[in-house]
């Protein structure tokens, strides 16, 4: 059975083009012209992936993504937007999107990203053991929640992805380029983004963020998670 993609965009031309791209890749497309309609559909329907515009009448795409994630819906989301500033990309990823593509987009690239993200999502859900432990930390791969000494630590989507990578690879050194590739993929972000997210994580998981014990700098290379 073909995968089902929900497409959200208030531009009829773009909506038609996105639907054509999805169907040409052998996937089913359901298109709506507002975030409000998408949120209503998500109450009773499940999808394999969501394509979300940002600038729409009524609820904007960023707010819609936050709303979706706040309900515990882990469906992969790709933002497809005409907004090209680094801040917009970072913000979209931070509120819970899995990727960010700017308009005009390459139909072949978009189709490949959709399929790859669906595969990655399914591989994650298929993990045998939902609980990972490392030192005082416990990560539930089913609920995507992190705990330290039994207390939950609230994380943004990208903080969550970075923490999952670290807790899966205790003592492994990651360069900035490796972190970019493994967490952001091909998304274009500001070169300081890694440092920003490392700082945010330290504020949340370290006993003393000024003297980090768990996320350590490896001078001239990158970072290492130690427990």
N, C-alpha and C. Protein backbone atom coordinates (compact mmCIF):
# COMPACT_ATOMS: atom_id res chain seq x y z
N UNK A 1 0.85 -1.19 0.00
CA UNK A 1 0.00 0.00 0.00
C UNK A 1 0.89 1.25 0.00
N UNK A 2 0.53 2.22 -0.83
CA UNK A 2 1.34 3.43 -0.95
C UNK A 2 1.26 4.27 0.32
N UNK A 3 2.35 4.97 0.61
CA UNK A 3 2.39 5.86 1.76
C UNK A 3 1.48 7.07 1.53
N UNK A 4 0.95 7.61 2.62
CA UNK A 4 0.03 8.75 2.54
C UNK A 4 0.73 10.01 3.03
N UNK A 5 0.71 11.04 2.19
CA UNK A 5 1.36 12.32 2.50
C UNK A 5 0.30 13.40 2.62
N UNK A 6 0.36 14.17 3.69
CA UNK A 6 -0.53 15.32 3.87
C UNK A 6 0.21 16.58 3.44
N UNK A 7 -0.37 17.31 2.50
CA UNK A 7 0.25 18.53 1.96
C UNK A 7 -0.56 19.73 2.41
N UNK A 8 0.12 20.73 2.98
CA UNK A 8 -0.55 21.91 3.54
C UNK A 8 0.04 23.17 2.93
N UNK A 9 -0.72 23.88 2.12
CA UNK A 9 -0.25 25.12 1.47
C UNK A 9 -1.46 25.89 0.98
N UNK A 10 -1.49 27.20 1.18
CA UNK A 10 -2.66 27.97 0.76
C UNK A 10 -2.53 28.54 -0.66
N UNK A 11 -1.45 28.19 -1.35
CA UNK A 11 -1.27 28.59 -2.75
C UNK A 11 -1.70 27.42 -3.62
N UNK A 12 -2.76 27.61 -4.38
CA UNK A 12 -3.33 26.51 -5.17
C UNK A 12 -2.34 25.96 -6.18
N UNK A 13 -1.51 26.83 -6.77
CA UNK A 13 -0.52 26.38 -7.75
C UNK A 13 0.53 25.48 -7.09
N UNK A 14 1.05 25.94 -5.95
CA UNK A 14 2.06 25.15 -5.23
C UNK A 14 1.45 23.85 -4.73
N UNK A 15 0.22 23.93 -4.25
CA UNK A 15 -0.47 22.74 -3.75
C UNK A 15 -0.59 21.69 -4.87
N UNK A 16 -0.92 22.15 -6.06
CA UNK A 16 -1.03 21.25 -7.20
C UNK A 16 0.31 20.65 -7.59
N UNK A 17 1.35 21.48 -7.55
CA UNK A 17 2.69 21.01 -7.92
C UNK A 17 3.20 19.99 -6.91
N UNK A 18 3.01 20.27 -5.62
CA UNK A 18 3.44 19.33 -4.59
C UNK A 18 2.70 18.01 -4.70
N UNK A 19 1.41 18.08 -4.97
CA UNK A 19 0.62 16.86 -5.12
C UNK A 19 1.12 16.04 -6.31
N UNK A 20 1.46 16.73 -7.40
CA UNK A 20 1.98 16.05 -8.58
C UNK A 20 3.30 15.36 -8.28
N UNK A 21 4.19 16.06 -7.56
CA UNK A 21 5.49 15.47 -7.20
C UNK A 21 5.30 14.23 -6.35
N UNK A 22 4.41 14.31 -5.36
CA UNK A 22 4.18 13.18 -4.47
C UNK A 22 3.61 11.99 -5.24
N UNK A 23 2.63 12.23 -6.08
CA UNK A 23 2.01 11.12 -6.83
C UNK A 23 2.96 10.53 -7.85
N UNK A 24 3.84 11.37 -8.42
CA UNK A 24 4.81 10.84 -9.40
C UNK A 24 5.83 9.93 -8.75
N UNK A 25 5.92 9.98 -7.42
CA UNK A 25 6.82 9.10 -6.68
C UNK A 25 6.10 7.87 -6.12
N UNK A 26 4.88 7.64 -6.61
CA UNK A 26 4.14 6.46 -6.20
C UNK A 26 3.51 6.56 -4.82
N UNK A 27 3.33 7.79 -4.34
CA UNK A 27 2.75 8.01 -3.02
C UNK A 27 1.36 8.64 -3.15
N UNK A 28 0.54 8.46 -2.13
CA UNK A 28 -0.78 9.09 -2.11
C UNK A 28 -0.69 10.48 -1.50
N UNK A 29 -1.39 11.43 -2.07
CA UNK A 29 -1.35 12.81 -1.59
C UNK A 29 -2.74 13.28 -1.18
N UNK A 30 -2.82 13.89 0.00
CA UNK A 30 -4.05 14.56 0.42
C UNK A 30 -3.69 16.02 0.67
N UNK A 31 -4.33 16.92 -0.03
CA UNK A 31 -3.95 18.33 0.01
C UNK A 31 -5.02 19.19 0.67
N UNK A 32 -4.58 20.10 1.55
CA UNK A 32 -5.48 21.07 2.18
C UNK A 32 -4.83 22.44 2.12
N UNK A 33 -5.67 23.49 2.14
CA UNK A 33 -5.16 24.84 1.94
C UNK A 33 -5.04 25.67 3.22
N UNK A 34 -5.05 25.02 4.37
CA UNK A 34 -4.85 25.76 5.63
C UNK A 34 -4.37 24.83 6.72
N UNK A 35 -3.66 25.42 7.68
CA UNK A 35 -3.19 24.63 8.82
C UNK A 35 -4.36 24.15 9.67
N UNK A 36 -5.41 24.97 9.73
CA UNK A 36 -6.58 24.59 10.50
C UNK A 36 -7.19 23.29 9.99
N UNK A 37 -7.30 23.16 8.66
CA UNK A 37 -7.85 21.93 8.08
C UNK A 37 -6.92 20.75 8.35
N UNK A 38 -5.62 21.00 8.29
CA UNK A 38 -4.65 19.92 8.54
C UNK A 38 -4.78 19.42 9.98
N UNK A 39 -4.89 20.34 10.92
CA UNK A 39 -5.00 19.95 12.33
C UNK A 39 -6.28 19.17 12.59
N UNK A 40 -7.35 19.53 11.90
CA UNK A 40 -8.60 18.78 12.04
C UNK A 40 -8.44 17.36 11.50
N UNK A 41 -7.79 17.22 10.37
CA UNK A 41 -7.58 15.89 9.79
C UNK A 41 -6.74 15.01 10.71
N UNK A 42 -5.75 15.61 11.34
CA UNK A 42 -4.83 14.85 12.19
C UNK A 42 -5.49 14.33 13.47
N UNK A 43 -6.69 14.83 13.77
CA UNK A 43 -7.41 14.31 14.93
C UNK A 43 -7.89 12.87 14.70
N UNK A 44 -8.18 12.55 13.44
CA UNK A 44 -8.78 11.25 13.14
C UNK A 44 -8.01 10.44 12.10
N UNK A 45 -6.96 11.03 11.52
CA UNK A 45 -6.22 10.34 10.47
C UNK A 45 -4.72 10.34 10.79
N UNK A 46 -4.05 9.33 10.29
CA UNK A 46 -2.59 9.28 10.42
C UNK A 46 -1.98 9.32 9.03
N UNK A 47 -0.80 9.93 8.94
CA UNK A 47 -0.09 10.05 7.67
C UNK A 47 1.35 9.59 7.86
N UNK A 48 1.98 9.30 6.74
CA UNK A 48 3.38 8.86 6.80
C UNK A 48 4.34 10.04 6.78
N UNK A 49 3.86 11.20 6.31
CA UNK A 49 4.70 12.41 6.28
C UNK A 49 3.80 13.61 6.00
N UNK A 50 4.24 14.78 6.47
CA UNK A 50 3.51 16.03 6.25
C UNK A 50 4.43 17.03 5.57
N UNK A 51 3.94 17.66 4.49
CA UNK A 51 4.63 18.79 3.86
C UNK A 51 3.88 20.05 4.29
N UNK A 52 4.60 20.99 4.92
CA UNK A 52 3.95 22.14 5.55
C UNK A 52 4.52 23.47 5.05
N UNK A 53 3.64 24.33 4.54
CA UNK A 53 4.03 25.70 4.20
C UNK A 53 4.11 26.52 5.48
N UNK A 54 4.74 27.70 5.41
CA UNK A 54 4.84 28.57 6.60
C UNK A 54 3.86 29.72 6.52
N UNK A 55 3.97 30.53 5.49
CA UNK A 55 3.14 31.74 5.39
C UNK A 55 1.76 31.41 4.85
N UNK A 56 0.82 31.21 5.76
CA UNK A 56 -0.55 30.89 5.36
C UNK A 56 -1.53 31.78 6.13
N UNK A 57 -2.69 31.97 5.56
CA UNK A 57 -3.74 32.70 6.28
C UNK A 57 -4.13 31.91 7.52
N UNK A 58 -4.45 32.62 8.59
CA UNK A 58 -4.81 31.93 9.83
C UNK A 58 -3.57 31.43 10.54
N UNK A 59 -3.59 30.18 10.97
CA UNK A 59 -2.44 29.60 11.68
C UNK A 59 -1.28 29.41 10.71
N UNK A 60 -0.10 29.92 11.08
CA UNK A 60 1.06 29.75 10.21
C UNK A 60 1.68 28.37 10.41
N UNK A 61 2.57 28.00 9.51
CA UNK A 61 3.16 26.67 9.53
C UNK A 61 3.97 26.37 10.77
N UNK A 62 4.74 27.34 11.27
CA UNK A 62 5.54 27.12 12.47
C UNK A 62 4.64 26.76 13.66
N UNK A 63 3.57 27.54 13.82
CA UNK A 63 2.63 27.29 14.92
C UNK A 63 1.96 25.93 14.76
N UNK A 64 1.65 25.58 13.51
CA UNK A 64 1.01 24.28 13.25
C UNK A 64 1.94 23.14 13.65
N UNK A 65 3.23 23.26 13.31
CA UNK A 65 4.19 22.21 13.67
C UNK A 65 4.29 22.08 15.19
N UNK A 66 4.37 23.22 15.87
CA UNK A 66 4.41 23.19 17.34
C UNK A 66 3.18 22.49 17.90
N UNK A 67 2.01 22.82 17.33
CA UNK A 67 0.76 22.22 17.78
C UNK A 67 0.78 20.71 17.58
N UNK A 68 1.24 20.28 16.43
CA UNK A 68 1.30 18.84 16.12
C UNK A 68 2.22 18.12 17.10
N UNK A 69 3.39 18.67 17.33
CA UNK A 69 4.35 18.03 18.24
C UNK A 69 3.85 18.05 19.69
N UNK A 70 3.13 19.09 20.07
CA UNK A 70 2.62 19.18 21.44
C UNK A 70 1.60 18.09 21.74
N UNK A 71 1.00 17.55 20.70
CA UNK A 71 0.02 16.47 20.86
C UNK A 71 0.68 15.09 20.84
N UNK A 72 2.01 15.07 20.75
CA UNK A 72 2.73 13.80 20.74
C UNK A 72 2.75 13.11 19.39
N UNK A 73 2.35 13.80 18.33
CA UNK A 73 2.35 13.22 16.99
C UNK A 73 3.77 13.30 16.43
N UNK A 74 4.36 12.13 16.11
CA UNK A 74 5.75 12.09 15.67
C UNK A 74 5.88 11.94 14.15
N UNK A 75 4.80 12.12 13.41
CA UNK A 75 4.85 12.04 11.95
C UNK A 75 5.94 12.95 11.41
N UNK A 76 6.81 12.46 10.52
CA UNK A 76 7.84 13.33 9.94
C UNK A 76 7.23 14.54 9.24
N UNK A 77 7.86 15.71 9.42
CA UNK A 77 7.36 16.95 8.82
C UNK A 77 8.49 17.62 8.05
N UNK A 78 8.22 17.96 6.80
CA UNK A 78 9.14 18.78 6.00
C UNK A 78 8.47 20.13 5.75
N UNK A 79 9.12 21.19 6.17
CA UNK A 79 8.61 22.53 5.85
C UNK A 79 9.06 22.89 4.44
N UNK A 80 8.12 23.33 3.61
CA UNK A 80 8.42 23.78 2.25
C UNK A 80 7.99 25.24 2.18
N UNK A 81 8.97 26.14 2.23
CA UNK A 81 8.65 27.56 2.43
C UNK A 81 9.44 28.47 1.52
N UNK A 82 8.86 29.63 1.25
CA UNK A 82 9.56 30.67 0.50
C UNK A 82 10.49 31.49 1.37
N UNK A 83 10.44 31.29 2.69
CA UNK A 83 11.29 32.04 3.62
C UNK A 83 12.66 31.37 3.68
N UNK A 84 13.71 32.13 3.32
CA UNK A 84 15.03 31.54 3.10
C UNK A 84 16.09 31.99 4.11
N UNK A 85 15.71 32.78 5.10
CA UNK A 85 16.69 33.22 6.08
C UNK A 85 17.13 32.06 6.97
N UNK A 86 18.40 32.08 7.39
CA UNK A 86 18.91 31.04 8.27
C UNK A 86 18.06 30.93 9.53
N UNK A 87 17.60 32.09 10.04
CA UNK A 87 16.79 32.07 11.26
C UNK A 87 15.53 31.26 11.06
N UNK A 88 14.89 31.42 9.90
CA UNK A 88 13.66 30.68 9.63
C UNK A 88 13.91 29.18 9.61
N UNK A 89 15.02 28.79 8.97
CA UNK A 89 15.36 27.37 8.92
C UNK A 89 15.59 26.82 10.31
N UNK A 90 16.40 27.53 11.09
CA UNK A 90 16.69 27.10 12.46
C UNK A 90 15.42 27.02 13.30
N UNK A 91 14.56 28.03 13.15
CA UNK A 91 13.34 28.06 13.95
C UNK A 91 12.42 26.91 13.57
N UNK A 92 12.29 26.66 12.27
CA UNK A 92 11.45 25.57 11.82
C UNK A 92 11.90 24.23 12.36
N UNK A 93 13.21 24.00 12.33
CA UNK A 93 13.75 22.75 12.86
C UNK A 93 13.59 22.69 14.38
N UNK A 94 13.72 23.82 15.02
CA UNK A 94 13.66 23.86 16.48
C UNK A 94 12.25 23.57 17.00
N UNK A 95 11.22 24.00 16.27
CA UNK A 95 9.85 23.77 16.75
C UNK A 95 9.36 22.36 16.46
N UNK A 96 10.15 21.60 15.68
CA UNK A 96 9.78 20.20 15.51
C UNK A 96 9.79 19.65 14.11
N UNK A 97 10.09 20.49 13.10
CA UNK A 97 10.17 19.97 11.73
C UNK A 97 11.42 19.10 11.58
N UNK A 98 11.36 18.14 10.68
CA UNK A 98 12.50 17.25 10.45
C UNK A 98 13.41 17.75 9.34
N UNK A 99 12.89 18.57 8.46
CA UNK A 99 13.70 19.14 7.38
C UNK A 99 13.04 20.43 6.90
N UNK A 100 13.80 21.24 6.17
CA UNK A 100 13.33 22.54 5.71
C UNK A 100 13.80 22.72 4.28
N UNK A 101 12.86 22.87 3.36
CA UNK A 101 13.18 23.06 1.94
C UNK A 101 12.60 24.39 1.49
N UNK A 102 13.40 25.15 0.75
CA UNK A 102 12.94 26.47 0.30
C UNK A 102 12.38 26.38 -1.12
N UNK A 103 11.42 27.28 -1.39
CA UNK A 103 10.85 27.41 -2.73
C UNK A 103 11.69 28.41 -3.53
N UNK A 104 11.86 28.22 -4.83
CA UNK A 104 11.41 27.06 -5.62
C UNK A 104 12.25 25.83 -5.29
N UNK A 105 11.63 24.67 -5.30
CA UNK A 105 12.33 23.45 -4.92
C UNK A 105 12.55 22.56 -6.14
N UNK A 106 13.51 21.67 -6.03
CA UNK A 106 13.77 20.69 -7.07
C UNK A 106 12.86 19.49 -6.83
N UNK A 107 11.94 19.17 -7.75
CA UNK A 107 10.99 18.07 -7.53
C UNK A 107 11.67 16.73 -7.26
N UNK A 108 12.79 16.46 -7.94
CA UNK A 108 13.49 15.19 -7.74
C UNK A 108 14.06 15.13 -6.33
N UNK A 109 14.68 16.24 -5.88
CA UNK A 109 15.25 16.29 -4.54
C UNK A 109 14.17 16.14 -3.48
N UNK A 110 13.04 16.83 -3.69
CA UNK A 110 11.94 16.74 -2.72
C UNK A 110 11.43 15.32 -2.62
N UNK A 111 11.20 14.66 -3.76
CA UNK A 111 10.72 13.29 -3.74
C UNK A 111 11.68 12.36 -3.01
N UNK A 112 12.97 12.54 -3.24
CA UNK A 112 13.98 11.70 -2.57
C UNK A 112 13.98 11.94 -1.08
N UNK A 113 13.86 13.20 -0.67
CA UNK A 113 13.85 13.52 0.76
C UNK A 113 12.63 12.92 1.45
N UNK A 114 11.49 13.01 0.80
CA UNK A 114 10.25 12.45 1.38
C UNK A 114 10.42 10.96 1.64
N UNK A 115 10.89 10.23 0.64
CA UNK A 115 11.05 8.78 0.78
C UNK A 115 12.10 8.43 1.84
N UNK A 116 13.20 9.17 1.85
CA UNK A 116 14.26 8.89 2.82
C UNK A 116 13.81 9.16 4.24
N UNK A 117 13.03 10.22 4.43
CA UNK A 117 12.57 10.56 5.77
C UNK A 117 11.55 9.54 6.28
N UNK A 118 10.70 9.04 5.39
CA UNK A 118 9.75 8.00 5.79
C UNK A 118 10.50 6.73 6.20
N UNK A 119 11.51 6.35 5.42
CA UNK A 119 12.30 5.16 5.76
C UNK A 119 12.99 5.34 7.11
N UNK A 120 13.60 6.51 7.31
CA UNK A 120 14.31 6.76 8.56
C UNK A 120 13.36 6.70 9.75
N UNK A 121 12.17 7.26 9.58
CA UNK A 121 11.18 7.26 10.66
C UNK A 121 10.78 5.84 11.01
N UNK A 122 10.58 5.01 10.02
CA UNK A 122 10.17 3.63 10.28
C UNK A 122 11.28 2.83 10.94
N UNK A 123 12.52 3.08 10.54
CA UNK A 123 13.65 2.38 11.17
C UNK A 123 13.76 2.74 12.64
N UNK A 124 13.48 4.01 12.95
CA UNK A 124 13.52 4.46 14.34
C UNK A 124 12.44 3.76 15.16
N UNK A 125 11.23 3.67 14.60
CA UNK A 125 10.12 3.05 15.31
C UNK A 125 10.33 1.56 15.49
N UNK A 126 11.15 0.96 14.62
CA UNK A 126 11.35 -0.48 14.67
C UNK A 126 12.44 -0.92 15.64
N UNK A 127 13.05 0.03 16.34
CA UNK A 127 14.10 -0.34 17.29
C UNK A 127 13.55 -1.32 18.32
N UNK A 128 14.35 -2.35 18.61
CA UNK A 128 13.87 -3.43 19.48
C UNK A 128 13.67 -2.97 20.92
N UNK A 129 14.64 -2.27 21.48
CA UNK A 129 14.57 -1.86 22.88
C UNK A 129 14.27 -0.36 22.94
N UNK A 130 13.12 0.04 23.49
CA UNK A 130 12.76 1.46 23.50
C UNK A 130 13.52 2.28 24.54
N UNK A 131 14.25 1.63 25.45
CA UNK A 131 14.90 2.35 26.54
C UNK A 131 16.42 2.28 26.38
N UNK A 132 17.07 3.45 26.40
CA UNK A 132 18.53 3.53 26.38
C UNK A 132 18.97 4.19 27.68
N UNK A 133 19.94 3.63 28.36
CA UNK A 133 20.46 4.24 29.59
C UNK A 133 21.94 4.52 29.46
N UNK A 134 22.37 5.62 30.05
CA UNK A 134 23.78 5.99 30.07
C UNK A 134 24.00 6.88 31.29
N UNK A 135 24.73 6.35 32.29
CA UNK A 135 24.92 7.12 33.51
C UNK A 135 23.59 7.46 34.14
N UNK A 136 23.37 8.73 34.50
CA UNK A 136 22.10 9.12 35.13
C UNK A 136 20.97 9.33 34.14
N UNK A 137 21.26 9.14 32.85
CA UNK A 137 20.28 9.46 31.80
C UNK A 137 19.55 8.22 31.29
N UNK A 138 18.27 8.41 31.03
CA UNK A 138 17.44 7.38 30.40
C UNK A 138 16.71 8.03 29.24
N UNK A 139 16.77 7.37 28.06
CA UNK A 139 16.08 7.91 26.88
C UNK A 139 15.10 6.87 26.37
N UNK A 140 13.84 7.27 26.26
CA UNK A 140 12.80 6.39 25.75
C UNK A 140 12.62 6.66 24.26
N UNK A 141 13.00 5.69 23.41
CA UNK A 141 12.95 5.90 21.97
C UNK A 141 11.53 5.84 21.42
N UNK A 142 10.60 5.33 22.20
CA UNK A 142 9.21 5.29 21.76
C UNK A 142 8.52 6.63 21.97
N UNK A 143 8.73 7.21 23.15
CA UNK A 143 8.09 8.50 23.47
C UNK A 143 8.99 9.68 23.16
N UNK A 144 10.28 9.41 22.82
CA UNK A 144 11.28 10.46 22.54
C UNK A 144 11.45 11.39 23.73
N UNK A 145 11.51 10.80 24.94
CA UNK A 145 11.65 11.60 26.15
C UNK A 145 12.95 11.25 26.87
N UNK A 146 13.58 12.28 27.41
CA UNK A 146 14.85 12.12 28.13
C UNK A 146 14.63 12.35 29.62
N UNK A 147 15.27 11.51 30.43
CA UNK A 147 15.17 11.64 31.88
C UNK A 147 16.58 11.64 32.49
N UNK A 148 16.74 12.43 33.53
CA UNK A 148 17.98 12.43 34.30
C UNK A 148 17.62 12.14 35.74
N UNK A 149 18.17 11.04 36.25
CA UNK A 149 17.83 10.59 37.61
C UNK A 149 16.32 10.50 37.82
N UNK A 150 15.62 10.08 36.76
CA UNK A 150 14.17 9.88 36.84
C UNK A 150 13.33 11.10 36.54
N UNK A 151 13.96 12.27 36.45
CA UNK A 151 13.22 13.51 36.18
C UNK A 151 13.29 13.84 34.69
N UNK A 152 12.14 14.12 34.08
CA UNK A 152 12.13 14.40 32.65
C UNK A 152 12.76 15.75 32.34
N UNK A 153 13.52 15.78 31.24
CA UNK A 153 14.13 17.01 30.73
C UNK A 153 13.46 17.35 29.41
N UNK A 154 12.84 18.52 29.33
CA UNK A 154 12.14 18.93 28.12
C UNK A 154 13.14 19.39 27.06
N UNK A 155 13.02 18.83 25.85
CA UNK A 155 13.94 19.15 24.76
C UNK A 155 13.18 19.56 23.51
N UNK A 156 13.79 20.47 22.74
CA UNK A 156 13.24 20.79 21.43
C UNK A 156 13.56 19.63 20.48
N UNK A 157 13.01 19.67 19.29
CA UNK A 157 13.20 18.56 18.35
C UNK A 157 14.67 18.32 18.03
N UNK A 158 15.43 19.37 17.76
CA UNK A 158 16.84 19.19 17.40
C UNK A 158 17.70 18.88 18.63
N UNK A 159 17.37 19.45 19.76
CA UNK A 159 18.05 19.06 21.00
C UNK A 159 17.83 17.57 21.26
N UNK A 160 16.61 17.14 21.01
CA UNK A 160 16.26 15.73 21.20
C UNK A 160 17.10 14.84 20.28
N UNK A 161 17.18 15.23 19.00
CA UNK A 161 17.95 14.44 18.04
C UNK A 161 19.43 14.38 18.41
N UNK A 162 19.97 15.50 18.88
CA UNK A 162 21.37 15.54 19.26
C UNK A 162 21.62 14.70 20.50
N UNK A 163 20.71 14.77 21.47
CA UNK A 163 20.87 13.99 22.69
C UNK A 163 20.78 12.51 22.39
N UNK A 164 19.86 12.13 21.50
CA UNK A 164 19.72 10.72 21.11
C UNK A 164 21.02 10.23 20.47
N UNK A 165 21.62 11.05 19.63
CA UNK A 165 22.88 10.69 18.99
C UNK A 165 23.99 10.50 20.02
N UNK A 166 24.06 11.42 20.98
CA UNK A 166 25.09 11.32 22.02
C UNK A 166 24.90 10.08 22.89
N UNK A 167 23.67 9.85 23.33
CA UNK A 167 23.43 8.76 24.28
C UNK A 167 23.60 7.39 23.60
N UNK A 168 23.45 7.38 22.28
CA UNK A 168 23.70 6.16 21.50
C UNK A 168 25.20 5.92 21.30
N UNK A 169 26.00 6.96 21.50
CA UNK A 169 27.43 6.88 21.15
C UNK A 169 28.29 7.48 22.26
N UNK A 170 28.15 6.95 23.47
CA UNK A 170 28.94 7.43 24.60
C UNK A 170 30.43 7.31 24.29
N UNK A 171 31.15 8.39 24.59
CA UNK A 171 32.61 8.49 24.42
C UNK A 171 33.07 8.67 22.96
N UNK A 172 32.14 8.64 22.02
CA UNK A 172 32.53 8.85 20.62
C UNK A 172 32.69 10.34 20.35
N UNK A 173 33.71 10.70 19.61
CA UNK A 173 33.95 12.11 19.27
C UNK A 173 33.22 12.44 17.97
N UNK A 174 32.47 13.55 18.00
CA UNK A 174 31.77 14.03 16.81
C UNK A 174 32.31 15.40 16.42
N UNK A 175 32.73 15.54 15.18
CA UNK A 175 33.11 16.87 14.68
C UNK A 175 31.84 17.65 14.38
N UNK A 176 31.98 18.96 14.18
CA UNK A 176 30.81 19.78 13.83
C UNK A 176 30.21 19.30 12.52
N UNK A 177 31.07 18.97 11.54
CA UNK A 177 30.56 18.51 10.25
C UNK A 177 29.75 17.23 10.40
N UNK A 178 30.21 16.33 11.26
CA UNK A 178 29.47 15.08 11.48
C UNK A 178 28.10 15.36 12.09
N UNK A 179 28.06 16.29 13.04
CA UNK A 179 26.79 16.63 13.68
C UNK A 179 25.83 17.27 12.67
N UNK A 180 26.37 18.16 11.82
CA UNK A 180 25.55 18.76 10.76
C UNK A 180 24.93 17.68 9.90
N UNK A 181 25.77 16.77 9.41
CA UNK A 181 25.31 15.74 8.48
C UNK A 181 24.29 14.80 9.12
N UNK A 182 24.52 14.42 10.37
CA UNK A 182 23.69 13.40 11.00
C UNK A 182 22.39 13.95 11.57
N UNK A 183 22.35 15.25 11.88
CA UNK A 183 21.15 15.83 12.49
C UNK A 183 20.38 16.73 11.52
N UNK A 184 21.11 17.54 10.77
CA UNK A 184 20.43 18.46 9.86
C UNK A 184 20.38 17.98 8.42
N UNK A 185 21.19 16.99 8.07
CA UNK A 185 21.23 16.51 6.69
C UNK A 185 21.69 17.60 5.75
N UNK A 186 20.88 17.88 4.72
CA UNK A 186 21.25 18.88 3.73
C UNK A 186 20.69 20.27 4.05
N UNK A 187 20.02 20.41 5.16
CA UNK A 187 19.45 21.72 5.51
C UNK A 187 20.57 22.73 5.70
N UNK A 188 20.37 23.93 5.18
CA UNK A 188 21.38 24.99 5.28
C UNK A 188 21.12 25.78 6.55
N UNK A 189 22.10 25.77 7.46
CA UNK A 189 21.93 26.48 8.71
C UNK A 189 23.17 27.31 9.01
N UNK A 190 23.05 28.23 9.92
CA UNK A 190 24.16 29.08 10.33
C UNK A 190 25.28 28.25 10.92
N UNK A 191 26.53 28.64 10.64
CA UNK A 191 27.68 27.85 11.09
C UNK A 191 27.81 27.78 12.61
N UNK A 192 27.16 28.70 13.31
CA UNK A 192 27.23 28.68 14.77
C UNK A 192 26.12 27.85 15.42
N UNK A 193 25.26 27.25 14.60
CA UNK A 193 24.11 26.53 15.15
C UNK A 193 24.50 25.41 16.09
N UNK A 194 25.54 24.66 15.74
CA UNK A 194 25.98 23.55 16.60
C UNK A 194 26.33 24.05 17.99
N UNK A 195 27.09 25.15 18.06
CA UNK A 195 27.48 25.69 19.36
C UNK A 195 26.26 26.16 20.16
N UNK A 196 25.29 26.72 19.45
CA UNK A 196 24.07 27.18 20.11
C UNK A 196 23.34 25.99 20.74
N UNK A 197 23.19 24.92 19.98
CA UNK A 197 22.46 23.75 20.49
C UNK A 197 23.24 23.03 21.58
N UNK A 198 24.55 22.98 21.46
CA UNK A 198 25.37 22.39 22.53
C UNK A 198 25.18 23.18 23.82
N UNK A 199 25.19 24.51 23.70
CA UNK A 199 25.00 25.36 24.88
C UNK A 199 23.63 25.13 25.51
N UNK A 200 22.59 25.02 24.68
CA UNK A 200 21.24 24.78 25.20
C UNK A 200 21.15 23.44 25.92
N UNK A 201 21.76 22.42 25.32
CA UNK A 201 21.73 21.10 25.95
C UNK A 201 22.45 21.12 27.29
N UNK A 202 23.59 21.79 27.32
CA UNK A 202 24.34 21.87 28.58
C UNK A 202 23.53 22.57 29.67
N UNK A 203 22.79 23.60 29.29
CA UNK A 203 21.97 24.29 30.27
C UNK A 203 20.92 23.36 30.88
N UNK A 204 20.51 22.37 30.09
CA UNK A 204 19.43 21.49 30.54
C UNK A 204 19.92 20.23 31.25
N UNK A 205 21.09 19.70 30.85
CA UNK A 205 21.49 18.40 31.41
C UNK A 205 22.66 18.46 32.38
N UNK A 206 23.43 19.54 32.35
CA UNK A 206 24.62 19.62 33.19
C UNK A 206 24.28 20.13 34.60
N UNK A 207 24.99 19.62 35.60
CA UNK A 207 24.85 20.16 36.95
C UNK A 207 25.42 21.57 37.00
N UNK A 208 26.51 21.79 36.26
CA UNK A 208 27.12 23.10 36.17
C UNK A 208 27.49 23.36 34.71
N UNK A 209 26.62 24.04 33.97
CA UNK A 209 26.86 24.26 32.53
C UNK A 209 28.18 24.97 32.23
N UNK A 210 28.66 25.76 33.17
CA UNK A 210 29.93 26.48 32.96
C UNK A 210 31.12 25.53 33.01
N UNK A 211 30.95 24.40 33.65
CA UNK A 211 32.00 23.38 33.73
C UNK A 211 31.38 22.04 33.36
N UNK A 212 31.07 21.84 32.09
CA UNK A 212 30.32 20.65 31.67
C UNK A 212 31.03 19.34 31.96
N UNK A 213 30.27 18.41 32.50
CA UNK A 213 30.79 17.08 32.82
C UNK A 213 30.43 16.07 31.74
N UNK A 214 29.25 16.22 31.14
CA UNK A 214 28.75 15.21 30.22
C UNK A 214 29.07 15.52 28.75
N UNK A 215 28.79 16.73 28.30
CA UNK A 215 29.11 17.10 26.91
C UNK A 215 30.42 17.88 26.94
N UNK A 216 31.48 17.22 26.55
CA UNK A 216 32.81 17.80 26.66
C UNK A 216 33.33 18.27 25.30
N UNK A 217 34.06 19.39 25.32
CA UNK A 217 34.75 19.86 24.13
C UNK A 217 35.98 18.98 23.88
N UNK A 218 36.20 18.64 22.63
CA UNK A 218 37.44 17.99 22.23
C UNK A 218 38.17 19.00 21.36
N UNK A 219 39.18 19.62 21.92
CA UNK A 219 39.80 20.79 21.30
C UNK A 219 40.24 20.53 19.86
N UNK A 220 39.79 21.42 18.99
CA UNK A 220 40.17 21.34 17.58
C UNK A 220 39.42 20.29 16.78
N UNK A 221 38.52 19.54 17.45
CA UNK A 221 37.80 18.47 16.74
C UNK A 221 36.30 18.65 16.83
N UNK A 222 35.77 18.63 18.07
CA UNK A 222 34.32 18.72 18.22
C UNK A 222 33.87 18.44 19.63
N UNK A 223 33.00 17.44 19.81
CA UNK A 223 32.40 17.19 21.11
C UNK A 223 32.31 15.68 21.38
N UNK A 224 32.24 15.36 22.70
CA UNK A 224 32.13 13.97 23.11
C UNK A 224 31.20 13.92 24.31
N UNK A 225 30.32 12.91 24.33
CA UNK A 225 29.41 12.71 25.45
C UNK A 225 29.99 11.65 26.38
N UNK A 226 30.17 12.01 27.63
CA UNK A 226 30.83 11.15 28.60
C UNK A 226 29.92 10.98 29.83
N UNK A 227 29.82 9.76 30.35
CA UNK A 227 29.06 9.52 31.57
C UNK A 227 29.92 8.75 32.57
